[in-house]
Amino acid sequence: MPLINVVFLLLIFFMVAGQLSKTDPIKIEPPVSDSEKDAGGQRVEILIAKDGRLLLGGEAVVLADLEARISDAVRSAEDKLVHVKADGAAPAMDVIRVMEALKAAGAEKVKLLTSAKSAP
């Protein structure tokens, strides 16, 4: 069997068997950051769209219900860390209100996720 056939078969195998990353249910364009640290790992994550919609675990939630919905997830997380992924165009007051609700729910740490700054 020629080597090109083996390479082609391996390519197809890894394309089919590879795990694709999960996409967000709504389009989020996070703000840019100079930090190169990656948040990574399993996490409690809240998405904030530029029109103010909130998603927790892929499900829409209103701000009034956020504290009650997330308190169990925060208590079960060993580091009490919540990741907030907000659109760069989302109103700052919406992000602040979400962070206040997280504090009331028992979150000890909140990370605002950003995208890496592109090289000039």
Protein backbone atom coordinates (compact mmCIF):
# COMPACT_ATOMS: atom_id res chain seq x y z
CA MET A 1 0.00 0.00 0.00
CA PRO A 2 1.57 3.33 -0.99
CA LEU A 3 2.43 5.77 1.81
CA ILE A 4 0.07 8.44 0.46
CA ASN A 5 -2.89 6.10 1.00
CA VAL A 6 -1.84 5.47 4.60
CA VAL A 7 -1.46 9.20 5.25
CA PHE A 8 -4.83 9.89 3.65
CA LEU A 9 -6.53 7.19 5.77
CA LEU A 10 -4.93 8.55 8.94
CA LEU A 11 -6.07 12.06 8.04
CA ILE A 12 -9.65 10.88 7.56
CA PHE A 13 -9.52 8.88 10.80
CA PHE A 14 -8.37 11.86 12.87
CA MET A 15 -10.88 14.19 11.23
CA VAL A 16 -13.74 11.83 12.07
CA ALA A 17 -12.50 10.75 15.50
CA GLY A 18 -11.35 14.19 16.65
CA GLN A 19 -13.43 16.07 19.19
CA LEU A 20 -14.68 19.46 18.09
CA SER A 21 -14.93 22.24 20.64
CA LYS A 22 -18.39 23.19 21.80
CA THR A 23 -19.71 26.44 20.35
CA ASP A 24 -21.68 29.02 22.27
CA PRO A 25 -25.45 29.08 21.64
CA ILE A 26 -25.30 32.82 20.90
CA LYS A 27 -22.60 34.81 19.10
CA ILE A 28 -20.25 36.44 21.63
CA GLU A 29 -17.37 38.73 20.70
CA PRO A 30 -15.43 39.07 23.97
CA PRO A 31 -13.25 42.12 24.61
CA VAL A 32 -9.54 41.88 23.80
CA SER A 33 -6.96 41.28 26.54
CA ASP A 34 -3.17 41.55 26.67
CA SER A 35 -3.04 38.63 29.11
CA GLU A 36 -1.96 35.30 27.62
CA LYS A 37 -3.41 33.11 30.40
CA ASP A 38 -6.08 30.62 29.38
CA ALA A 39 -9.00 30.08 31.73
CA GLY A 40 -9.57 26.49 30.49
CA GLY A 41 -11.01 23.55 32.41
CA GLN A 42 -14.51 22.58 33.53
CA ARG A 43 -16.35 25.63 34.72
CA VAL A 44 -19.57 27.40 35.57
CA GLU A 45 -20.01 29.84 32.69
CA ILE A 46 -22.46 32.67 32.05
CA LEU A 47 -22.81 34.25 28.61
CA ILE A 48 -23.91 37.87 28.22
CA ALA A 49 -25.00 38.93 24.72
CA LYS A 50 -24.70 42.49 23.49
CA ASP A 51 -28.50 42.84 23.67
CA GLY A 52 -28.45 41.87 27.38
CA ARG A 53 -29.60 38.23 27.08
CA LEU A 54 -28.10 35.86 29.66
CA LEU A 55 -27.35 32.17 29.20
CA LEU A 56 -26.38 29.73 31.92
CA GLY A 57 -25.31 26.31 30.69
CA GLY A 58 -26.79 27.07 27.27
CA GLU A 59 -30.22 27.94 28.71
CA ALA A 60 -31.68 31.43 28.72
CA VAL A 61 -32.11 32.93 32.17
CA VAL A 62 -33.31 36.33 33.40
CA LEU A 63 -31.24 38.37 35.82
CA ALA A 64 -33.88 38.10 38.55
CA ASP A 65 -33.58 34.28 38.51
CA LEU A 66 -29.80 34.11 38.06
CA GLU A 67 -28.90 34.05 41.76
CA ALA A 68 -31.27 31.17 42.52
CA ARG A 69 -30.28 29.20 39.41
CA ILE A 70 -26.54 29.49 39.91
CA SER A 71 -26.22 29.12 43.69
CA ASP A 72 -26.24 25.29 43.56
CA ALA A 73 -23.66 25.21 40.78
CA VAL A 74 -21.41 27.63 42.66
CA ARG A 75 -21.67 25.64 45.89
CA SER A 76 -20.76 22.40 44.12
CA ALA A 77 -17.74 23.93 42.34
CA GLU A 78 -14.70 23.26 44.49
CA ASP A 79 -13.04 26.63 43.85
CA LYS A 80 -16.27 28.73 43.83
CA LEU A 81 -15.14 30.17 40.48
CA VAL A 82 -17.56 31.45 37.84
CA HIS A 83 -16.55 32.51 34.34
CA VAL A 84 -18.40 35.37 32.68
CA LYS A 85 -18.15 35.59 28.91
CA ALA A 86 -19.62 38.92 27.85
CA ASP A 87 -19.84 40.44 24.41
CA GLY A 88 -17.51 43.43 24.07
CA ALA A 89 -20.53 45.54 23.08
CA ALA A 90 -22.63 44.46 26.09
CA PRO A 91 -23.55 47.35 28.40
CA ALA A 92 -21.16 47.55 31.35
CA MET A 93 -24.09 47.85 33.79
CA ASP A 94 -25.43 44.47 32.63
CA VAL A 95 -22.06 42.87 33.36
CA ILE A 96 -21.89 44.58 36.78
CA ARG A 97 -25.41 43.40 37.67
CA VAL A 98 -24.49 39.82 36.75
CA MET A 99 -21.35 40.00 38.88
CA GLU A 100 -23.38 41.34 41.83
CA ALA A 101 -25.84 38.45 41.45
CA LEU A 102 -22.91 36.01 41.40
CA LYS A 103 -21.49 37.49 44.60
CA ALA A 104 -24.90 37.13 46.26
CA ALA A 105 -25.07 33.50 45.07
CA GLY A 106 -21.80 32.69 46.84
CA ALA A 107 -19.24 32.93 44.06
CA GLU A 108 -15.86 33.72 45.60
CA LYS A 109 -14.06 34.35 42.29
CA VAL A 110 -15.35 35.68 38.99
CA LYS A 111 -13.26 35.69 35.81
CA LEU A 112 -14.23 37.88 32.89
CA LEU A 113 -13.16 35.95 29.78
CA THR A 114 -11.53 37.89 26.97
CA SER A 115 -9.98 37.04 23.61
CA ALA A 116 -6.26 37.34 23.07
CA LYS A 117 -4.89 40.49 21.49
CA SER A 118 -3.90 39.87 17.89
CA ALA A 119 -0.34 40.56 16.86
CA PRO A 120 0.14 43.78 14.84
